PDB file of N, CA and C in Angstrom:
ATOM      1  N   SER A   1     -92.161  45.728 -31.035  1.00  0.00           N
ATOM      2  CA  SER A   1     -91.736  45.650 -29.643  1.00  0.00           C
ATOM      3  C   SER A   1     -92.009  44.245 -29.112  1.00  0.00           C
ATOM      4  N   ILE A   2     -91.294  43.902 -28.072  1.00  0.00           N
ATOM      5  CA  ILE A   2     -91.469  42.592 -27.446  1.00  0.00           C
ATOM      6  C   ILE A   2     -91.706  42.750 -25.952  1.00  0.00           C
ATOM      7  N   ALA A   3     -92.338  41.745 -25.376  1.00  0.00           N
ATOM      8  CA  ALA A   3     -92.500  41.668 -23.927  1.00  0.00           C
ATOM      9  C   ALA A   3     -91.843  40.377 -23.475  1.00  0.00           C
ATOM     10  N   VAL A   4     -90.831  40.487 -22.639  1.00  0.00           N
ATOM     11  CA  VAL A   4     -90.150  39.319 -22.105  1.00  0.00           C
ATOM     12  C   VAL A   4     -90.792  38.991 -20.763  1.00  0.00           C
ATOM     13  N   ILE A   5     -91.357  37.804 -20.684  1.00  0.00           N
ATOM     14  CA  ILE A   5     -92.090  37.382 -19.496  1.00  0.00           C
ATOM     15  C   ILE A   5     -91.174  36.522 -18.639  1.00  0.00           C
ATOM     16  N   GLN A   6     -90.884  36.987 -17.430  1.00  0.00           N
ATOM     17  CA  GLN A   6     -89.962  36.272 -16.539  1.00  0.00           C
ATOM     18  C   GLN A   6     -90.621  36.142 -15.168  1.00  0.00           C
ATOM     19  N   PRO A   7     -91.250  34.992 -14.886  1.00  0.00           N
ATOM     20  CA  PRO A   7     -91.983  34.849 -13.625  1.00  0.00           C
ATOM     21  C   PRO A   7     -91.138  34.459 -12.426  1.00  0.00           C
ATOM     22  N   ASN A   8     -89.853  34.139 -12.617  1.00  0.00           N
ATOM     23  CA  ASN A   8     -88.972  33.752 -11.515  1.00  0.00           C
ATOM     24  C   ASN A   8     -89.555  32.610 -10.681  1.00  0.00           C
ATOM     25  N   ILE A   9     -89.826  31.513 -11.363  1.00  0.00           N
ATOM     26  CA  ILE A   9     -90.340  30.316 -10.702  1.00  0.00           C
ATOM     27  C   ILE A   9     -89.179  29.596 -10.013  1.00  0.00           C
ATOM     28  N   LEU A  10     -89.353  29.258  -8.749  1.00  0.00           N
ATOM     29  CA  LEU A  10     -88.317  28.534  -8.029  1.00  0.00           C
ATOM     30  C   LEU A  10     -88.062  27.184  -8.688  1.00  0.00           C
ATOM     31  N   GLN A  11     -86.818  26.785  -8.766  1.00  0.00           N
ATOM     32  CA  GLN A  11     -86.447  25.535  -9.435  1.00  0.00           C
ATOM     33  C   GLN A  11     -87.149  24.326  -8.801  1.00  0.00           C
ATOM     34  N   GLU A  12     -87.314  24.330  -7.492  1.00  0.00           N
ATOM     35  CA  GLU A  12     -87.964  23.188  -6.852  1.00  0.00           C
ATOM     36  C   GLU A  12     -89.458  23.103  -7.169  1.00  0.00           C
ATOM     37  N   TYR A  13     -90.047  24.185  -7.689  1.00  0.00           N
ATOM     38  CA  TYR A  13     -91.453  24.173  -8.103  1.00  0.00           C
ATOM     39  C   TYR A  13     -91.621  23.636  -9.521  1.00  0.00           C
ATOM     40  N   LYS A  14     -90.578  23.783 -10.322  1.00  0.00           N
ATOM     41  CA  LYS A  14     -90.660  23.580 -11.766  1.00  0.00           C
ATOM     42  C   LYS A  14     -91.334  22.279 -12.181  1.00  0.00           C
ATOM     43  N   TRP A  15     -90.943  21.165 -11.611  1.00  0.00           N
ATOM     44  CA  TRP A  15     -91.494  19.873 -12.038  1.00  0.00           C
ATOM     45  C   TRP A  15     -92.380  19.226 -10.979  1.00  0.00           C
ATOM     46  N   ASP A  16     -92.827  20.016 -10.010  1.00  0.00           N
ATOM     47  CA  ASP A  16     -93.758  19.520  -8.993  1.00  0.00           C
ATOM     48  C   ASP A  16     -95.179  19.658  -9.549  1.00  0.00           C
ATOM     49  N   PRO A  17     -95.862  18.540  -9.798  1.00  0.00           N
ATOM     50  CA  PRO A  17     -97.209  18.610 -10.386  1.00  0.00           C
ATOM     51  C   PRO A  17     -98.184  19.484  -9.597  1.00  0.00           C
ATOM     52  N   ARG A  18     -98.004  19.580  -8.298  1.00  0.00           N
ATOM     53  CA  ARG A  18     -98.892  20.423  -7.480  1.00  0.00           C
ATOM     54  C   ARG A  18     -98.719  21.909  -7.787  1.00  0.00           C
ATOM     55  N   MET A  19     -97.575  22.286  -8.361  1.00  0.00           N
ATOM     56  CA  MET A  19     -97.285  23.696  -8.625  1.00  0.00           C
ATOM     57  C   MET A  19     -97.711  24.140 -10.030  1.00  0.00           C
ATOM     58  N   ARG A  20     -98.183  23.212 -10.847  1.00  0.00           N
ATOM     59  CA  ARG A  20     -98.550  23.558 -12.224  1.00  0.00           C
ATOM     60  C   ARG A  20     -99.573  24.686 -12.322  1.00  0.00           C
ATOM     61  N   PRO A  21    -100.662  24.644 -11.530  1.00  0.00           N
ATOM     62  CA  PRO A  21    -101.610  25.770 -11.609  1.00  0.00           C
ATOM     63  C   PRO A  21    -100.961  27.103 -11.246  1.00  0.00           C
ATOM     64  N   TYR A  22    -100.143  27.097 -10.206  1.00  0.00           N
ATOM     65  CA  TYR A  22     -99.450  28.323  -9.800  1.00  0.00           C
ATOM     66  C   TYR A  22     -98.573  28.844 -10.935  1.00  0.00           C
ATOM     67  N   ILE A  23     -97.799  27.949 -11.543  1.00  0.00           N
ATOM     68  CA  ILE A  23     -96.891  28.349 -12.617  1.00  0.00           C
ATOM     69  C   ILE A  23     -97.664  28.929 -13.792  1.00  0.00           C
ATOM     70  N   MET A  24     -98.701  28.235 -14.221  1.00  0.00           N
ATOM     71  CA  MET A  24     -99.476  28.706 -15.376  1.00  0.00           C
ATOM     72  C   MET A  24    -100.200  30.016 -15.056  1.00  0.00           C
ATOM     73  N   ASN A  25    -100.730  30.135 -13.850  1.00  0.00           N
ATOM     74  CA  ASN A  25    -101.401  31.382 -13.465  1.00  0.00           C
ATOM     75  C   ASN A  25    -100.423  32.544 -13.398  1.00  0.00           C
ATOM     76  N   ARG A  26     -99.217  32.275 -12.939  1.00  0.00           N
ATOM     77  CA  ARG A  26     -98.184  33.319 -12.862  1.00  0.00           C
ATOM     78  C   ARG A  26     -97.825  33.817 -14.262  1.00  0.00           C
ATOM     79  N   PHE A  27     -97.589  32.887 -15.188  1.00  0.00           N
ATOM     80  CA  PHE A  27     -97.313  33.279 -16.566  1.00  0.00           C
ATOM     81  C   PHE A  27     -98.475  34.078 -17.158  1.00  0.00           C
ATOM     82  N   ALA A  28     -99.699  33.605 -16.943  1.00  0.00           N
ATOM     83  CA  ALA A  28    -100.872  34.275 -17.488  1.00  0.00           C
ATOM     84  C   ALA A  28    -101.013  35.696 -16.929  1.00  0.00           C
ATOM     85  N   ALA A  29    -100.799  35.851 -15.633  1.00  0.00           N
ATOM     86  CA  ALA A  29    -100.935  37.171 -15.008  1.00  0.00           C
ATOM     87  C   ALA A  29     -99.900  38.157 -15.535  1.00  0.00           C
ATOM     88  N   ILE A  30     -98.664  37.710 -15.646  1.00  0.00           N
ATOM     89  CA  ILE A  30     -97.609  38.609 -16.131  1.00  0.00           C
ATOM     90  C   ILE A  30     -97.827  38.929 -17.609  1.00  0.00           C
ATOM     91  N   THR A  31     -98.252  37.939 -18.373  1.00  0.00           N
ATOM     92  CA  THR A  31     -98.522  38.179 -19.798  1.00  0.00           C
ATOM     93  C   THR A  31     -99.683  39.157 -19.961  1.00  0.00           C
ATOM     94  N   THR A  32    -100.717  38.998 -19.173  1.00  0.00           N
ATOM     95  CA  THR A  32    -101.855  39.925 -19.214  1.00  0.00           C
ATOM     96  C   THR A  32    -101.407  41.339 -18.860  1.00  0.00           C
ATOM     97  N   GLU A  33    -100.578  41.464 -17.846  1.00  0.00           N
ATOM     98  CA  GLU A  33    -100.054  42.796 -17.471  1.00  0.00           C
ATOM     99  C   GLU A  33     -99.244  43.385 -18.619  1.00  0.00           C
ATOM    100  N   ALA A  34     -98.423  42.570 -19.258  1.00  0.00           N
ATOM    101  CA  ALA A  34     -97.601  43.047 -20.377  1.00  0.00           C
ATOM    102  C   ALA A  34     -98.447  43.436 -21.586  1.00  0.00           C
ATOM    103  N   SER A  35     -99.636  42.870 -21.703  1.00  0.00           N
ATOM    104  CA  SER A  35    -100.491  43.191 -22.856  1.00  0.00           C
ATOM    105  C   SER A  35    -100.908  44.658 -22.876  1.00  0.00           C
ATOM    106  N   LYS A  36    -100.793  45.326 -21.753  1.00  0.00           N
ATOM    107  CA  LYS A  36    -101.144  46.751 -21.686  1.00  0.00           C
ATOM    108  C   LYS A  36    -100.255  47.614 -22.573  1.00  0.00           C
ATOM    109  N   ILE A  37     -99.051  47.118 -22.895  1.00  0.00           N
ATOM    110  CA  ILE A  37     -98.156  47.885 -23.773  1.00  0.00           C
ATOM    111  C   ILE A  37     -98.267  47.437 -25.231  1.00  0.00           C
ATOM    112  N   SER A  38     -99.168  46.472 -25.492  1.00  0.00           N
ATOM    113  CA  SER A  38     -99.423  45.958 -26.849  1.00  0.00           C
ATOM    114  C   SER A  38     -98.149  45.578 -27.604  1.00  0.00           C
ATOM    115  N   PRO A  39     -97.362  44.660 -27.068  1.00  0.00           N
ATOM    116  CA  PRO A  39     -96.147  44.253 -27.783  1.00  0.00           C
ATOM    117  C   PRO A  39     -96.507  43.461 -29.044  1.00  0.00           C
ATOM    118  N   ASP A  40     -95.546  43.359 -29.949  1.00  0.00           N
ATOM    119  CA  ASP A  40     -95.726  42.567 -31.164  1.00  0.00           C
ATOM    120  C   ASP A  40     -95.495  41.085 -30.909  1.00  0.00           C
ATOM    121  N   LEU A  41     -94.764  40.771 -29.853  1.00  0.00           N
ATOM    122  CA  LEU A  41     -94.394  39.398 -29.548  1.00  0.00           C
ATOM    123  C   LEU A  41     -94.180  39.249 -28.051  1.00  0.00           C
ATOM    124  N   TYR A  42     -94.663  38.133 -27.506  1.00  0.00           N
ATOM    125  CA  TYR A  42     -94.408  37.785 -26.112  1.00  0.00           C
ATOM    126  C   TYR A  42     -93.362  36.679 -26.102  1.00  0.00           C
ATOM    127  N   ILE A  43     -92.360  36.796 -25.243  1.00  0.00           N
ATOM    128  CA  ILE A  43     -91.328  35.776 -25.132  1.00  0.00           C
ATOM    129  C   ILE A  43     -91.318  35.239 -23.712  1.00  0.00           C
ATOM    130  N   TRP A  44     -91.541  33.930 -23.618  1.00  0.00           N
ATOM    131  CA  TRP A  44     -91.475  33.221 -22.347  1.00  0.00           C
ATOM    132  C   TRP A  44     -90.130  32.521 -22.262  1.00  0.00           C
ATOM    133  N   PRO A  45     -89.683  32.131 -21.078  1.00  0.00           N
ATOM    134  CA  PRO A  45     -88.357  31.527 -20.931  1.00  0.00           C
ATOM    135  C   PRO A  45     -88.244  30.094 -21.462  1.00  0.00           C
ATOM    136  N   GLU A  46     -87.014  29.635 -21.457  1.00  0.00           N
ATOM    137  CA  GLU A  46     -86.690  28.259 -21.791  1.00  0.00           C
ATOM    138  C   GLU A  46     -87.417  27.321 -20.824  1.00  0.00           C
ATOM    139  N   ALA A  47     -87.980  26.238 -21.366  1.00  0.00           N
ATOM    140  CA  ALA A  47     -88.707  25.240 -20.567  1.00  0.00           C
ATOM    141  C   ALA A  47     -89.768  25.881 -19.673  1.00  0.00           C
ATOM    142  N   ALA A  48     -90.510  26.838 -20.229  1.00  0.00           N
ATOM    143  CA  ALA A  48     -91.531  27.540 -19.453  1.00  0.00           C
ATOM    144  C   ALA A  48     -92.664  26.618 -19.009  1.00  0.00           C
ATOM    145  N   LEU A  49     -93.106  25.740 -19.904  1.00  0.00           N
ATOM    146  CA  LEU A  49     -94.200  24.850 -19.529  1.00  0.00           C
ATOM    147  C   LEU A  49     -93.721  23.812 -18.523  1.00  0.00           C
ATOM    148  N   PRO A  50     -94.525  23.547 -17.485  1.00  0.00           N
ATOM    149  CA  PRO A  50     -94.104  22.609 -16.433  1.00  0.00           C
ATOM    150  C   PRO A  50     -94.427  21.145 -16.742  1.00  0.00           C
ATOM    151  N   VAL A  51     -94.557  20.824 -18.032  1.00  0.00           N
ATOM    152  CA  VAL A  51     -94.887  19.459 -18.461  1.00  0.00           C
ATOM    153  C   VAL A  51     -94.140  19.138 -19.750  1.00  0.00           C
ATOM    154  N   VAL A  52     -94.123  17.860 -20.114  1.00  0.00           N
ATOM    155  CA  VAL A  52     -93.675  17.458 -21.443  1.00  0.00           C
ATOM    156  C   VAL A  52     -94.888  17.624 -22.356  1.00  0.00           C
ATOM    157  N   VAL A  53     -94.754  18.413 -23.408  1.00  0.00           N
ATOM    158  CA  VAL A  53     -95.888  18.805 -24.244  1.00  0.00           C
ATOM    159  C   VAL A  53     -96.701  17.612 -24.738  1.00  0.00           C
ATOM    160  N   GLU A  54     -96.041  16.591 -25.235  1.00  0.00           N
ATOM    161  CA  GLU A  54     -96.763  15.451 -25.806  1.00  0.00           C
ATOM    162  C   GLU A  54     -97.506  14.628 -24.751  1.00  0.00           C
ATOM    163  N   ASP A  55     -97.062  14.680 -23.509  1.00  0.00           N
ATOM    164  CA  ASP A  55     -97.712  13.930 -22.438  1.00  0.00           C
ATOM    165  C   ASP A  55     -98.947  14.645 -21.898  1.00  0.00           C
ATOM    166  N   GLU A  56     -98.934  15.975 -21.945  1.00  0.00           N
ATOM    167  CA  GLU A  56    -100.051  16.767 -21.412  1.00  0.00           C
ATOM    168  C   GLU A  56    -100.302  17.969 -22.331  1.00  0.00           C
ATOM    169  N   PRO A  57    -100.864  17.715 -23.522  1.00  0.00           N
ATOM    170  CA  PRO A  57    -101.020  18.768 -24.527  1.00  0.00           C
ATOM    171  C   PRO A  57    -101.963  19.905 -24.129  1.00  0.00           C
ATOM    172  N   GLU A  58    -102.773  19.688 -23.109  1.00  0.00           N
ATOM    173  CA  GLU A  58    -103.697  20.745 -22.706  1.00  0.00           C
ATOM    174  C   GLU A  58    -102.970  22.006 -22.238  1.00  0.00           C
ATOM    175  N   TYR A  59    -101.745  21.863 -21.772  1.00  0.00           N
ATOM    176  CA  TYR A  59    -100.986  23.042 -21.344  1.00  0.00           C
ATOM    177  C   TYR A  59    -100.598  23.903 -22.546  1.00  0.00           C
ATOM    178  N   LEU A  60    -100.170  23.285 -23.615  1.00  0.00           N
ATOM    179  CA  LEU A  60     -99.859  24.042 -24.828  1.00  0.00           C
ATOM    180  C   LEU A  60    -101.132  24.617 -25.435  1.00  0.00           C
ATOM    181  N   GLU A  61    -102.231  23.884 -25.341  1.00  0.00           N
ATOM    182  CA  GLU A  61    -103.512  24.385 -25.846  1.00  0.00           C
ATOM    183  C   GLU A  61    -103.911  25.678 -25.133  1.00  0.00           C
ATOM    184  N   LYS A  62    -103.598  25.776 -23.848  1.00  0.00           N
ATOM    185  CA  LYS A  62    -103.880  27.013 -23.103  1.00  0.00           C
ATOM    186  C   LYS A  62    -103.079  28.184 -23.684  1.00  0.00           C
ATOM    187  N   ILE A  63    -101.833  27.929 -24.054  1.00  0.00           N
ATOM    188  CA  ILE A  63    -100.995  28.981 -24.637  1.00  0.00           C
ATOM    189  C   ILE A  63    -101.549  29.369 -26.006  1.00  0.00           C
ATOM    190  N   CYS A  64    -102.011  28.394 -26.768  1.00  0.00           N
ATOM    191  CA  CYS A  64    -102.590  28.672 -28.077  1.00  0.00           C
ATOM    192  C   CYS A  64    -103.825  29.564 -27.934  1.00  0.00           C
ATOM    193  N   ARG A  65    -104.682  29.262 -26.976  1.00  0.00           N
ATOM    194  CA  ARG A  65    -105.858  30.114 -26.739  1.00  0.00           C
ATOM    195  C   ARG A  65    -105.448  31.510 -26.277  1.00  0.00           C
ATOM    196  N   MET A  66    -104.396  31.576 -25.452  1.00  0.00           N
ATOM    197  CA  MET A  66    -103.913  32.876 -24.982  1.00  0.00           C
ATOM    198  C   MET A  66    -103.429  33.721 -26.158  1.00  0.00           C
ATOM    199  N   ALA A  67    -102.684  33.111 -27.073  1.00  0.00           N
ATOM    200  CA  ALA A  67    -102.183  33.843 -28.242  1.00  0.00           C
ATOM    201  C   ALA A  67    -103.341  34.369 -29.082  1.00  0.00           C
ATOM    202  N   ILE A  68    -104.389  33.575 -29.227  1.00  0.00           N
ATOM    203  CA  ILE A  68    -105.575  34.029 -29.969  1.00  0.00           C
ATOM    204  C   ILE A  68    -106.193  35.233 -29.278  1.00  0.00           C
ATOM    205  N   ASN A  69    -106.367  35.153 -27.954  1.00  0.00           N
ATOM    206  CA  ASN A  69    -106.968  36.258 -27.191  1.00  0.00           C
ATOM    207  C   ASN A  69    -106.106  37.507 -27.225  1.00  0.00           C
ATOM    208  N   LEU A  70    -104.780  37.328 -27.180  1.00  0.00           N
ATOM    209  CA  LEU A  70    -103.858  38.467 -27.216  1.00  0.00           C
ATOM    210  C   LEU A  70    -103.738  39.067 -28.616  1.00  0.00           C
ATOM    211  N   LYS A  71    -104.075  38.222 -29.627  1.00  0.00           N
ATOM    212  CA  LYS A  71    -103.900  38.605 -31.031  1.00  0.00           C
ATOM    213  C   LYS A  71    -102.434  38.877 -31.360  1.00  0.00           C
ATOM    214  N   ARG A  72    -101.567  38.126 -30.676  1.00  0.00           N
ATOM    215  CA  ARG A  72    -100.120  38.263 -30.849  1.00  0.00           C
ATOM    216  C   ARG A  72     -99.469  36.895 -30.686  1.00  0.00           C
ATOM    217  N   PRO A  73     -98.313  36.682 -31.320  1.00  0.00           N
ATOM    218  CA  PRO A  73     -97.605  35.413 -31.146  1.00  0.00           C
ATOM    219  C   PRO A  73     -96.890  35.341 -29.796  1.00  0.00           C
ATOM    220  N   VAL A  74     -96.670  34.098 -29.375  1.00  0.00           N
ATOM    221  CA  VAL A  74     -95.952  33.809 -28.132  1.00  0.00           C
ATOM    222  C   VAL A  74     -94.829  32.836 -28.476  1.00  0.00           C
ATOM    223  N   LEU A  75     -93.608  33.198 -28.119  1.00  0.00           N
ATOM    224  CA  LEU A  75     -92.454  32.322 -28.277  1.00  0.00           C
ATOM    225  C   LEU A  75     -92.126  31.784 -26.894  1.00  0.00           C
ATOM    226  N   LEU A  76     -92.087  30.458 -26.767  1.00  0.00           N
ATOM    227  CA  LEU A  76     -91.851  29.884 -25.445  1.00  0.00           C
ATOM    228  C   LEU A  76     -90.966  28.658 -25.538  1.00  0.00           C
ATOM    229  N   GLY A  77     -90.350  28.347 -24.427  1.00  0.00           N
ATOM    230  CA  GLY A  77     -89.570  27.127 -24.320  1.00  0.00           C
ATOM    231  C   GLY A  77     -90.420  26.037 -23.705  1.00  0.00           C
ATOM    232  N   ALA A  78     -90.212  24.813 -24.186  1.00  0.00           N
ATOM    233  CA  ALA A  78     -90.961  23.672 -23.658  1.00  0.00           C
ATOM    234  C   ALA A  78     -90.157  22.402 -23.868  1.00  0.00           C
ATOM    235  N   VAL A  79     -90.371  21.449 -22.998  1.00  0.00           N
ATOM    236  CA  VAL A  79     -89.778  20.134 -23.192  1.00  0.00           C
ATOM    237  C   VAL A  79     -90.726  19.358 -24.103  1.00  0.00           C
ATOM    238  N   THR A  80     -90.174  18.844 -25.210  1.00  0.00           N
ATOM    239  CA  THR A  80     -90.958  18.051 -26.147  1.00  0.00           C
ATOM    240  C   THR A  80     -90.334  16.667 -26.264  1.00  0.00           C
ATOM    241  N   ARG A  81     -91.107  15.747 -26.818  1.00  0.00           N
ATOM    242  CA  ARG A  81     -90.635  14.371 -26.943  1.00  0.00           C
ATOM    243  C   ARG A  81     -90.979  13.862 -28.331  1.00  0.00           C
ATOM    244  N   ARG A  82     -90.028  13.155 -28.919  1.00  0.00           N
ATOM    245  CA  ARG A  82     -90.253  12.423 -30.160  1.00  0.00           C
ATOM    246  C   ARG A  82     -89.763  11.010 -29.904  1.00  0.00           C
ATOM    247  N   GLY A  83     -90.706  10.070 -29.798  1.00  0.00           N
ATOM    248  CA  GLY A  83     -90.339   8.708 -29.427  1.00  0.00           C
ATOM    249  C   GLY A  83     -89.766   8.697 -28.028  1.00  0.00           C
ATOM    250  N   GLU A  84     -88.564   8.171 -27.894  1.00  0.00           N
ATOM    251  CA  GLU A  84     -87.898   8.115 -26.595  1.00  0.00           C
ATOM    252  C   GLU A  84     -86.948   9.296 -26.367  1.00  0.00           C
ATOM    253  N   LEU A  85     -86.868  10.203 -27.328  1.00  0.00           N
ATOM    254  CA  LEU A  85     -85.958  11.342 -27.226  1.00  0.00           C
ATOM    255  C   LEU A  85     -86.694  12.574 -26.719  1.00  0.00           C
ATOM    256  N   TYR A  86     -86.062  13.274 -25.782  1.00  0.00           N
ATOM    257  CA  TYR A  86     -86.616  14.496 -25.220  1.00  0.00           C
ATOM    258  C   TYR A  86     -85.795  15.672 -25.720  1.00  0.00           C
ATOM    259  N   TYR A  87     -86.490  16.800 -25.958  1.00  0.00           N
ATOM    260  CA  TYR A  87     -85.823  17.989 -26.480  1.00  0.00           C
ATOM    261  C   TYR A  87     -86.191  19.207 -25.653  1.00  0.00           C
ATOM    262  N   ASN A  88     -85.261  20.102 -25.542  1.00  0.00           N
ATOM    263  CA  ASN A  88     -85.492  21.431 -25.013  1.00  0.00           C
ATOM    264  C   ASN A  88     -85.822  22.265 -26.252  1.00  0.00           C
ATOM    265  N   SER A  89     -87.103  22.543 -26.452  1.00  0.00           N
ATOM    266  CA  SER A  89     -87.553  23.144 -27.704  1.00  0.00           C
ATOM    267  C   SER A  89     -88.019  24.577 -27.516  1.00  0.00           C
ATOM    268  N   ALA A  90     -87.933  25.329 -28.600  1.00  0.00           N
ATOM    269  CA  ALA A  90     -88.545  26.650 -28.680  1.00  0.00           C
ATOM    270  C   ALA A  90     -89.736  26.507 -29.616  1.00  0.00           C
ATOM    271  N   LEU A  91     -90.901  26.970 -29.161  1.00  0.00           N
ATOM    272  CA  LEU A  91     -92.123  26.892 -29.946  1.00  0.00           C
ATOM    273  C   LEU A  91     -92.639  28.296 -30.203  1.00  0.00           C
ATOM    274  N   LEU A  92     -93.007  28.563 -31.437  1.00  0.00           N
ATOM    275  CA  LEU A  92     -93.631  29.836 -31.780  1.00  0.00           C
ATOM    276  C   LEU A  92     -95.102  29.575 -32.031  1.00  0.00           C
ATOM    277  N   VAL A  93     -95.945  30.122 -31.160  1.00  0.00           N
ATOM    278  CA  VAL A  93     -97.388  30.007 -31.305  1.00  0.00           C
ATOM    279  C   VAL A  93     -97.876  31.282 -31.973  1.00  0.00           C
ATOM    280  N   SER A  94     -98.521  31.134 -33.123  1.00  0.00           N
ATOM    281  CA  SER A  94     -98.994  32.304 -33.870  1.00  0.00           C
ATOM    282  C   SER A  94    -100.205  32.929 -33.190  1.00  0.00           C
ATOM    283  N   GLU A  95    -100.549  34.127 -33.630  1.00  0.00           N
ATOM    284  CA  GLU A  95    -101.732  34.809 -33.110  1.00  0.00           C
ATOM    285  C   GLU A  95    -103.022  34.068 -33.476  1.00  0.00           C
ATOM    286  N   LYS A  96    -102.923  33.097 -34.370  1.00  0.00           N
ATOM    287  CA  LYS A  96    -104.065  32.244 -34.723  1.00  0.00           C
ATOM    288  C   LYS A  96    -104.115  30.994 -33.852  1.00  0.00           C
ATOM    289  N   GLY A  97    -103.173  30.879 -32.908  1.00  0.00           N
ATOM    290  CA  GLY A  97    -103.151  29.743 -32.007  1.00  0.00           C
ATOM    291  C   GLY A  97    -102.557  28.487 -32.607  1.00  0.00           C
ATOM    292  N   GLU A  98    -101.773  28.638 -33.656  1.00  0.00           N
ATOM    293  CA  GLU A  98    -101.146  27.502 -34.325  1.00  0.00           C
ATOM    294  C   GLU A  98     -99.649  27.497 -34.059  1.00  0.00           C
ATOM    295  N   ILE A  99     -99.037  26.315 -34.093  1.00  0.00           N
ATOM    296  CA  ILE A  99     -97.584  26.221 -33.954  1.00  0.00           C
ATOM    297  C   ILE A  99     -96.981  26.651 -35.287  1.00  0.00           C
ATOM    298  N   ALA A 100     -96.390  27.832 -35.298  1.00  0.00           N
ATOM    299  CA  ALA A 100     -95.832  28.399 -36.524  1.00  0.00           C
ATOM    300  C   ALA A 100     -94.375  27.987 -36.734  1.00  0.00           C
ATOM    301  N   GLY A 101     -93.719  27.526 -35.667  1.00  0.00           N
ATOM    302  CA  GLY A 101     -92.336  27.110 -35.776  1.00  0.00           C
ATOM    303  C   GLY A 101     -91.898  26.360 -34.544  1.00  0.00           C
ATOM    304  N   LYS A 102     -90.919  25.479 -34.741  1.00  0.00           N
ATOM    305  CA  LYS A 102     -90.366  24.710 -33.632  1.00  0.00           C
ATOM    306  C   LYS A 102     -88.885  24.519 -33.877  1.00  0.00           C
ATOM    307  N   TYR A 103     -88.094  24.705 -32.828  1.00  0.00           N
ATOM    308  CA  TYR A 103     -86.655  24.460 -32.903  1.00  0.00           C
ATOM    309  C   TYR A 103     -86.273  23.572 -31.730  1.00  0.00           C
ATOM    310  N   ASN A 104     -85.608  22.457 -32.011  1.00  0.00           N
ATOM    311  CA  ASN A 104     -85.110  21.571 -30.964  1.00  0.00           C
ATOM    312  C   ASN A 104     -83.649  21.907 -30.712  1.00  0.00           C
ATOM    313  N   LYS A 105     -83.346  22.284 -29.486  1.00  0.00           N
ATOM    314  CA  LYS A 105     -81.982  22.652 -29.107  1.00  0.00           C
ATOM    315  C   LYS A 105     -81.040  21.474 -29.286  1.00  0.00           C
ATOM    316  N   LEU A 106     -79.882  21.749 -29.868  1.00  0.00           N
ATOM    317  CA  LEU A 106     -78.853  20.736 -30.068  1.00  0.00           C
ATOM    318  C   LEU A 106     -77.650  21.057 -29.215  1.00  0.00           C
ATOM    319  N   HIS A 107     -76.950  20.040 -28.758  1.00  0.00           N
ATOM    320  CA  HIS A 107     -75.723  20.256 -27.980  1.00  0.00           C
ATOM    321  C   HIS A 107     -74.539  20.304 -28.917  1.00  0.00           C
TER     322      HIS A 107
END
């Protein structure tokens, strides 16, 4: 079974640095609520993290710790960067808190 986490974050909040705690707390609260049904996988939306992963890795580290605590993998969208190129990526965080897979969206 899967749990699809949809926090309905307003678009104007998405990249506002002041809203980052709110966004992360909202995801955490909904994910915690979904854990009551013990899904096999949690799925967060495209570009769920409110940062570029390589610029602020502590946000992804929080997801890695969450996956360890949940004992389940989390599939999430995030903006990633390689050099000067930015990607809309899908990241699979294993239940061990490791990046088990990454896909960079292509046009």
